[in-house]
Protein backbone atom coordinates (compact mmCIF):
# COMPACT_ATOMS: atom_id res chain seq x y z
CA UNK A 1 -41.89 -48.80 -9.87
CA UNK A 2 -39.59 -46.25 -10.79
CA UNK A 3 -41.43 -43.63 -8.92
CA UNK A 4 -41.71 -45.32 -5.75
CA UNK A 5 -37.87 -46.20 -5.71
CA UNK A 6 -37.07 -42.26 -5.95
CA UNK A 7 -39.53 -41.13 -3.13
CA UNK A 8 -38.11 -44.37 -0.67
CA UNK A 9 -34.56 -43.05 -1.62
CA UNK A 10 -35.46 -39.31 -0.74
CA UNK A 11 -37.32 -40.53 2.88
CA UNK A 12 -34.33 -42.39 3.23
CA UNK A 13 -32.37 -39.28 2.48
CA UNK A 14 -34.24 -37.23 4.90
CA UNK A 15 -34.40 -39.43 7.92
CA UNK A 16 -30.41 -39.86 7.15
CA UNK A 17 -30.06 -35.70 7.44
CA UNK A 18 -32.47 -35.95 10.60
CA UNK A 19 -30.31 -38.16 12.59
CA UNK A 20 -27.38 -36.05 11.74
CA UNK A 21 -29.04 -32.68 12.40
CA UNK A 22 -30.21 -34.69 15.90
CA UNK A 23 -26.54 -35.71 16.53
CA UNK A 24 -25.22 -32.15 16.07
CA UNK A 25 -27.63 -30.42 18.27
CA UNK A 26 -27.51 -33.29 20.68
CA UNK A 27 -23.34 -32.35 20.86
CA UNK A 28 -23.99 -28.30 20.69
CA UNK A 29 -26.37 -29.04 23.98
CA UNK A 30 -23.74 -31.16 25.60
CA UNK A 31 -20.81 -29.11 24.45
CA UNK A 32 -22.79 -26.15 25.75
CA UNK A 33 -23.53 -27.42 29.05
CA UNK A 34 -19.87 -28.73 29.67
CA UNK A 35 -19.27 -25.05 29.07
CA UNK A 36 -21.77 -23.55 31.68
CA UNK A 37 -20.27 -26.31 34.32
CA UNK A 38 -16.60 -25.53 33.94
CA UNK A 39 -17.19 -21.43 33.98
CA UNK A 40 -19.28 -22.18 37.77
CA UNK A 41 -16.37 -24.48 38.85
CA UNK A 42 -13.50 -21.77 37.45
CA UNK A 43 -15.32 -18.97 39.07
CA UNK A 44 -15.23 -20.79 42.51
CA UNK A 45 -12.07 -21.61 41.79
CA UNK A 46 -11.32 -17.82 41.21
CA UNK A 47 -13.29 -17.09 44.82
CA UNK A 48 -11.17 -19.34 46.53
CA UNK A 49 -8.03 -17.66 45.35
CA UNK A 50 -9.21 -13.96 45.71
CA UNK A 51 -7.17 -12.19 47.85
CA UNK A 52 -8.17 -9.36 50.51
CA UNK A 53 -6.84 -6.43 48.81
CA UNK A 54 -7.27 -4.41 51.90
CA UNK A 55 -4.21 -6.73 53.48
CA UNK A 56 -2.26 -6.02 50.61
CA UNK A 57 -2.67 -1.64 50.33
CA UNK A 58 -0.10 -1.09 53.60
CA UNK A 59 2.46 -2.73 55.98
CA UNK A 60 4.95 -5.71 55.23
CA UNK A 61 5.41 -7.26 51.81
CA UNK A 62 4.21 -10.82 51.62
CA UNK A 63 6.38 -13.57 50.02
CA UNK A 64 5.70 -14.58 46.54
CA UNK A 65 4.77 -17.80 45.40
CA UNK A 66 8.35 -17.88 43.71
CA UNK A 67 9.67 -17.26 47.36
CA UNK A 68 8.19 -20.16 49.10
CA UNK A 69 8.77 -22.48 46.07
CA UNK A 70 12.27 -21.41 46.60
CA UNK A 71 11.99 -22.19 50.79
CA UNK A 72 11.15 -25.49 49.58
CA UNK A 73 13.64 -26.12 47.10
CA UNK A 74 16.59 -25.21 49.72
CA UNK A 75 15.02 -28.03 52.00
CA UNK A 76 15.21 -30.50 48.78
CA UNK A 77 18.64 -29.57 47.24
CA UNK A 78 21.91 -29.68 50.01
CA UNK A 79 23.78 -27.29 48.44
CA UNK A 80 21.35 -24.73 47.19
CA UNK A 81 22.06 -21.40 47.91
CA UNK A 82 20.38 -19.60 50.88
CA UNK A 83 17.41 -17.14 50.12
CA UNK A 84 18.36 -13.33 50.30
CA UNK A 85 15.23 -11.45 50.69
CA UNK A 86 14.78 -8.19 52.39
CA UNK A 87 11.96 -6.04 51.71
CA UNK A 88 12.28 -2.43 52.26
CA UNK A 89 9.54 0.07 51.96
CA UNK A 90 8.81 2.09 48.79
CA UNK A 91 10.51 5.52 50.09
CA UNK A 92 13.55 3.28 50.32
CA UNK A 93 13.83 3.02 46.81
CA UNK A 94 15.59 5.65 45.06
CA UNK A 95 13.52 7.38 42.16
CA UNK A 96 16.03 6.20 39.30
CA UNK A 97 16.23 2.37 40.37
CA UNK A 98 12.13 2.71 39.82
CA UNK A 99 12.61 4.78 36.73
CA UNK A 100 15.11 2.08 35.64
CA UNK A 101 13.11 -0.83 36.31
CA UNK A 102 10.10 0.50 34.32
CA UNK A 103 12.34 1.29 31.27
CA UNK A 104 13.62 -2.17 31.44
CA UNK A 105 10.17 -3.93 31.99
CA UNK A 106 7.11 -1.42 31.31
CA UNK A 107 7.40 1.82 29.97
CA UNK A 108 4.13 2.67 30.21
CA UNK A 109 3.24 1.43 33.89
CA UNK A 110 1.66 4.83 34.85
CA UNK A 111 -0.58 5.11 31.76
CA UNK A 112 -2.18 1.44 31.67
CA UNK A 113 -4.66 -0.51 33.59
CA UNK A 114 -2.56 -3.77 34.30
CA UNK A 115 -2.55 -4.29 30.08
CA UNK A 116 -0.24 -2.80 27.85
CA UNK A 117 -2.17 -3.06 24.43
CA UNK A 118 0.32 -1.23 22.53
CA UNK A 119 3.10 -3.34 23.84
CA UNK A 120 1.09 -6.29 23.16
CA UNK A 121 0.53 -5.77 19.97
CA UNK A 122 4.31 -4.42 18.95
CA UNK A 123 5.42 -8.07 20.62
CA UNK A 124 2.86 -9.64 18.21
CA UNK A 125 4.09 -7.69 15.47
CA UNK A 126 7.65 -8.79 16.10
CA UNK A 127 6.70 -12.34 17.04
CA UNK A 128 5.00 -12.97 13.53
CA UNK A 129 7.91 -11.53 11.94
CA UNK A 130 10.56 -13.81 13.69
CA UNK A 131 7.94 -16.79 12.90
CA UNK A 132 8.50 -17.50 16.71
CA UNK A 133 7.08 -16.37 20.20
CA UNK A 134 10.37 -14.45 21.53
CA UNK A 135 8.50 -11.59 22.72
CA UNK A 136 5.98 -11.05 25.69
CA UNK A 137 4.27 -7.83 26.80
CA UNK A 138 3.85 -8.82 30.16
CA UNK A 139 3.47 -5.38 32.35
CA UNK A 140 4.75 -4.77 36.09
CA UNK A 141 1.32 -5.66 37.18
CA UNK A 142 0.86 -8.77 35.95
CA UNK A 143 4.33 -9.96 36.39
CA UNK A 144 3.34 -8.85 40.13
CA UNK A 145 0.67 -11.54 40.43
CA UNK A 146 2.08 -14.13 38.50
CA UNK A 147 4.97 -13.98 41.39
CA UNK A 148 2.71 -13.34 44.29
CA UNK A 149 0.29 -16.10 43.18
CA UNK A 150 1.49 -18.30 40.65
CA UNK A 151 4.05 -20.26 38.84
CA UNK A 152 6.20 -19.31 35.51
CA UNK A 153 3.61 -21.77 33.33
CA UNK A 154 2.02 -20.55 30.19
CA UNK A 155 -0.88 -22.39 30.52
CA UNK A 156 -3.72 -20.63 29.15
CA UNK A 157 -5.92 -20.95 32.28
CA UNK A 158 -2.98 -19.86 34.46
CA UNK A 159 -2.93 -16.85 32.07
CA UNK A 160 -6.97 -16.28 32.29
CA UNK A 161 -6.64 -16.15 36.22
CA UNK A 162 -3.80 -13.84 36.10
CA UNK A 163 -5.85 -11.18 34.07
CA UNK A 164 -8.62 -11.48 36.53
CA UNK A 165 -6.29 -10.82 39.26
CA UNK A 166 -4.58 -8.31 37.90
CA UNK A 167 -7.53 -6.25 37.16
CA UNK A 168 -8.25 -7.04 41.24
CA UNK A 169 -5.24 -5.71 41.92
CA UNK A 170 -5.42 -2.73 39.56
CA UNK A 171 -8.90 -1.34 41.06
CA UNK A 172 -7.60 -1.92 44.33
CA UNK A 173 -4.29 -0.72 45.04
CA UNK A 174 -2.22 2.47 44.11
CA UNK A 175 0.66 2.15 41.43
CA UNK A 176 3.20 2.93 43.55
CA UNK A 177 2.42 -0.02 45.97
CA UNK A 178 1.92 -2.14 42.55
CA UNK A 179 5.59 -1.01 42.11
CA UNK A 180 6.92 -1.81 45.77
CA UNK A 181 5.63 -5.22 45.71
CA UNK A 182 7.11 -5.79 42.41
CA UNK A 183 10.41 -4.32 43.28
CA UNK A 184 10.49 -6.32 46.66
CA UNK A 185 9.82 -10.02 45.09
CA UNK A 186 11.49 -9.80 41.72
CA UNK A 187 14.45 -12.06 40.92
CA UNK A 188 17.82 -10.78 40.55
CA UNK A 189 19.89 -13.90 40.91
CA UNK A 190 19.41 -17.61 42.03
CA UNK A 191 18.05 -16.90 45.59
CA UNK A 192 17.94 -13.30 45.37
CA UNK A 193 15.09 -11.83 45.42
CA UNK A 194 14.04 -7.66 45.77
CA UNK A 195 16.47 -4.52 45.16
CA UNK A 196 17.38 -4.61 48.81
CA UNK A 197 18.86 -7.87 48.38
CA UNK A 198 20.29 -7.32 44.78
CA UNK A 199 22.01 -3.66 45.67
CA UNK A 200 23.48 -5.40 48.71
CA UNK A 201 24.92 -8.77 46.86
CA UNK A 202 26.28 -7.44 43.75
CA UNK A 203 27.11 -3.79 45.14
CA UNK A 204 27.69 -4.21 49.24
CA UNK A 205 25.32 -1.36 49.61
CA UNK A 206 21.76 -0.73 50.47
CA UNK A 207 19.39 0.02 48.11
CA UNK A 208 19.41 3.89 48.37
CA UNK A 209 22.85 4.23 47.51
CA UNK A 210 22.64 2.86 44.39
CA UNK A 211 24.10 5.13 41.62
CA UNK A 212 21.85 5.38 38.53
CA UNK A 213 24.36 3.33 36.64
CA UNK A 214 23.86 0.19 39.31
CA UNK A 215 20.33 0.83 39.21
CA UNK A 216 20.42 0.31 35.35
CA UNK A 217 22.62 -2.88 35.51
CA UNK A 218 20.02 -4.60 38.20
CA UNK A 219 17.19 -3.41 36.40
CA UNK A 220 18.99 -5.01 33.07
CA UNK A 221 18.66 -8.63 35.19
CA UNK A 222 15.34 -8.92 33.70
CA UNK A 223 13.68 -10.98 32.90
CA UNK A 224 16.58 -13.49 32.77
CA UNK A 225 18.62 -12.80 36.21
CA UNK A 226 20.47 -16.12 36.38
CA UNK A 227 22.38 -16.01 33.34
CA UNK A 228 22.65 -11.72 32.71
CA UNK A 229 23.53 -10.37 35.84
CA UNK A 230 26.34 -7.88 37.18
CA UNK A 231 28.09 -10.84 38.19
CA UNK A 232 28.03 -12.58 34.47
CA UNK A 233 28.27 -9.55 32.65
CA UNK A 234 27.11 -11.08 29.12
CA UNK A 235 27.11 -8.89 26.10
CA UNK A 236 23.68 -9.15 26.43
CA UNK A 237 23.33 -7.77 29.96
CA UNK A 238 25.81 -5.25 29.12
CA UNK A 239 24.02 -3.89 25.87
CA UNK A 240 20.32 -4.05 27.75
CA UNK A 241 22.32 -1.58 30.40
CA UNK A 242 23.38 0.89 28.12
CA UNK A 243 19.77 0.68 26.36
CA UNK A 244 18.25 1.43 29.77
CA UNK A 245 20.54 4.10 30.98
CA UNK A 246 19.52 5.96 27.80
CA UNK A 247 15.99 5.75 28.24
CA UNK A 248 16.89 7.03 32.13
CA UNK A 249 18.37 10.02 30.82
CA UNK A 250 15.75 10.90 28.46
CA UNK A 251 13.29 10.83 30.82
CA UNK A 252 14.39 12.27 33.76
CA UNK A 253 11.99 14.31 36.02
C-alpha cells in the first residue's frame, strides 16, 4: 500500500513537471514568434523612413523635423517668435566656428564612424558616480539624424532607429557634409536655427564675420540654447564659453 502510494505520488509529480515544462516551451515559442514578427515590422518601418542619401550629398540643406515642428507651433500659438532659418554653404562657415562647435559637442567628430565609444564610456562612468543620468554622449552625426528625422524623445526604439540611420549617413556622406548639415539645422535660440541665423540675431553680422570669441559663445548655447545663450549670459553659459575658447586655442591648425 505504501509503495503504491509512493509510485502514485512520483507519477503525479512527473506529470506536473511535464505540464510546467510544456507551458514554458509554449511561452518561449510564442515569445520567439512575437519577436520575429516585431523585427519584420521594424524592418519594414526602417525601409519606409530610409532616406535617399544621394539627395543629401550636395545642394540645399533640407528642413529638419524640428523646424517643421516649430512651424506647426507658430500656426497654433499667436504670440510665437517667427522662424529664423538661413542655411548657408560650408565655405561660408569660418573654420574657427566649426572648431568651436566640435569642441562643444563632439571633440572626436573626425575620428569616429558616428559613435564615440570613448565619450560614451566616460559619460556612463560619470552618471554612475552621480547616481543619475546627467550626461549623454550623442555625436554630431547622431544629433544631425535626430534633428532631421526624429524628436527629442528618449524612447529606446527611436534611439535604435537613430543608430541605424546614423550608420547609413556616415556610410554615404562625407564628414564635412554632415557637419555642414548640423550647423545649418541646430537650434541656437527660440526659433533660431543654423549658425547664420544665430550670428545675425546675436551679433548683427553674417556668419563669416564672426570672431573666435563670438564663435565660442554661439557654440556654448548648445545643447540648451533657450536658457543659455549670448542674450541671457548665465553663469553656466560664460563658464562653457571660456572652456570652449581655451580648447579652440589649443587645437588651432
